[in-house]
């Protein structure tokens, strides 16, 4: 899942080389994906009214639910 999120985010930002995506598992076996990027790209990834990040979260949620898991996506500062 980390690779898919990284692929999507790198396609929509202006500085794809500065995007890093990491994946952690919490104590409840939920997947937490952290996205770090150039500060200028954050408005692009979030989108108007949060539409872009919401779409990315929807895609991740569908994939996670197919495996019986939950996923959370966080944009790091």
C-alpha atoms as a PDB file:
ATOM      1  CA  UNK A   1       0.000   0.000   0.000  1.00  0.00           C
ATOM      2  CA  UNK A   2       2.894   2.331   0.752  1.00  0.00           C
ATOM      3  CA  UNK A   3       4.076   2.052  -2.851  1.00  0.00           C
ATOM      4  CA  UNK A   4       0.642   2.904  -4.238  1.00  0.00           C
ATOM      5  CA  UNK A   5       0.251   5.986  -2.043  1.00  0.00           C
ATOM      6  CA  UNK A   6       3.761   7.125  -2.940  1.00  0.00           C
ATOM      7  CA  UNK A   7       3.025   6.642  -6.657  1.00  0.00           C
ATOM      8  CA  UNK A   8      -0.197   8.677  -6.481  1.00  0.00           C
ATOM      9  CA  UNK A   9       1.294  11.519  -4.449  1.00  0.00           C
ATOM     10  CA  UNK A  10       4.405  11.795  -6.637  1.00  0.00           C
ATOM     11  CA  UNK A  11       2.226  12.158  -9.733  1.00  0.00           C
ATOM     12  CA  UNK A  12       0.361  15.208  -8.416  1.00  0.00           C
ATOM     13  CA  UNK A  13       3.135  17.243  -6.738  1.00  0.00           C
ATOM     14  CA  UNK A  14       5.624  19.699  -8.226  1.00  0.00           C
ATOM     15  CA  UNK A  15       8.626  18.234  -6.356  1.00  0.00           C
ATOM     16  CA  UNK A  16       8.247  14.437  -6.564  1.00  0.00           C
ATOM     17  CA  UNK A  17      11.845  13.805  -5.481  1.00  0.00           C
ATOM     18  CA  UNK A  18      11.089  15.307  -2.064  1.00  0.00           C
ATOM     19  CA  UNK A  19       8.168  12.988  -1.304  1.00  0.00           C
ATOM     20  CA  UNK A  20       8.778  10.285   1.288  1.00  0.00           C
ATOM     21  CA  UNK A  21       6.152   7.816   2.418  1.00  0.00           C
ATOM     22  CA  UNK A  22       6.595   5.599   5.455  1.00  0.00           C
ATOM     23  CA  UNK A  23       4.345   2.926   6.867  1.00  0.00           C
ATOM     24  CA  UNK A  24       3.924   1.955  10.537  1.00  0.00           C
ATOM     25  CA  UNK A  25       1.673  -0.527  12.319  1.00  0.00           C
ATOM     26  CA  UNK A  26       0.159   0.540  15.647  1.00  0.00           C
ATOM     27  CA  UNK A  27      -0.699  -1.671  18.628  1.00  0.00           C
ATOM     28  CA  UNK A  28      -4.181  -2.387  17.218  1.00  0.00           C
ATOM     29  CA  UNK A  29      -2.691  -3.628  13.917  1.00  0.00           C
ATOM     30  CA  UNK A  30      -3.863  -0.532  12.029  1.00  0.00           C
ATOM     31  CA  UNK A  31      -1.631   0.745   9.246  1.00  0.00           C
ATOM     32  CA  UNK A  32      -0.530   4.366   9.546  1.00  0.00           C
ATOM     33  CA  UNK A  33       0.993   5.930   6.452  1.00  0.00           C
ATOM     34  CA  UNK A  34       2.998   9.134   6.897  1.00  0.00           C
ATOM     35  CA  UNK A  35       3.559  11.410   3.906  1.00  0.00           C
ATOM     36  CA  UNK A  36       6.336  13.982   4.026  1.00  0.00           C
ATOM     37  CA  UNK A  37       6.842  16.455   1.184  1.00  0.00           C
ATOM     38  CA  UNK A  38       7.942  19.927   0.208  1.00  0.00           C
ATOM     39  CA  UNK A  39       5.753  22.495   2.038  1.00  0.00           C
ATOM     40  CA  UNK A  40       4.781  24.048  -1.307  1.00  0.00           C
ATOM     41  CA  UNK A  41       3.187  20.747  -2.356  1.00  0.00           C
ATOM     42  CA  UNK A  42       0.917  20.360   0.672  1.00  0.00           C
ATOM     43  CA  UNK A  43      -1.936  22.472  -0.761  1.00  0.00           C
ATOM     44  CA  UNK A  44      -1.810  20.391  -3.937  1.00  0.00           C
ATOM     45  CA  UNK A  45      -1.988  17.093  -2.068  1.00  0.00           C
ATOM     46  CA  UNK A  46      -4.756  18.316   0.225  1.00  0.00           C
ATOM     47  CA  UNK A  47      -6.699  19.896  -2.632  1.00  0.00           C
ATOM     48  CA  UNK A  48      -9.631  22.266  -2.547  1.00  0.00           C
ATOM     49  CA  UNK A  49     -11.717  21.401   0.472  1.00  0.00           C
ATOM     50  CA  UNK A  50      -9.572  18.331   1.096  1.00  0.00           C
ATOM     51  CA  UNK A  51     -10.796  16.553  -2.009  1.00  0.00           C
ATOM     52  CA  UNK A  52      -7.441  15.186  -3.180  1.00  0.00           C
ATOM     53  CA  UNK A  53      -6.336  13.703   0.144  1.00  0.00           C
ATOM     54  CA  UNK A  54      -9.848  12.383   0.684  1.00  0.00           C
ATOM     55  CA  UNK A  55      -9.672  10.518  -2.622  1.00  0.00           C
ATOM     56  CA  UNK A  56      -6.286   9.042  -1.698  1.00  0.00           C
ATOM     57  CA  UNK A  57      -7.673   7.970   1.688  1.00  0.00           C
ATOM     58  CA  UNK A  58     -10.691   6.372   0.002  1.00  0.00           C
ATOM     59  CA  UNK A  59      -8.450   4.310  -2.264  1.00  0.00           C
ATOM     60  CA  UNK A  60      -6.311   3.220   0.676  1.00  0.00           C
ATOM     61  CA  UNK A  61      -9.385   2.339   2.744  1.00  0.00           C
ATOM     62  CA  UNK A  62     -10.826   0.125   0.022  1.00  0.00           C
ATOM     63  CA  UNK A  63      -7.565  -1.792  -0.292  1.00  0.00           C
ATOM     64  CA  UNK A  64      -7.201  -2.151   3.458  1.00  0.00           C
ATOM     65  CA  UNK A  65     -10.758  -3.371   3.966  1.00  0.00           C
ATOM     66  CA  UNK A  66     -10.225  -6.085   1.361  1.00  0.00           C
ATOM     67  CA  UNK A  67      -7.583  -7.435   3.743  1.00  0.00           C
ATOM     68  CA  UNK A  68      -9.693  -6.853   6.856  1.00  0.00           C
ATOM     69  CA  UNK A  69      -7.542  -3.967   8.104  1.00  0.00           C
ATOM     70  CA  UNK A  70      -7.780  -0.224   8.655  1.00  0.00           C
ATOM     71  CA  UNK A  71      -5.464   2.440   7.290  1.00  0.00           C
ATOM     72  CA  UNK A  72      -4.830   6.026   8.305  1.00  0.00           C
ATOM     73  CA  UNK A  73      -2.964   8.570   6.190  1.00  0.00           C
ATOM     74  CA  UNK A  74      -1.224  11.480   7.877  1.00  0.00           C
ATOM     75  CA  UNK A  75       0.553  14.390   6.220  1.00  0.00           C
ATOM     76  CA  UNK A  76       3.634  15.273   8.245  1.00  0.00           C
ATOM     77  CA  UNK A  77       4.664  18.866   8.863  1.00  0.00           C
END
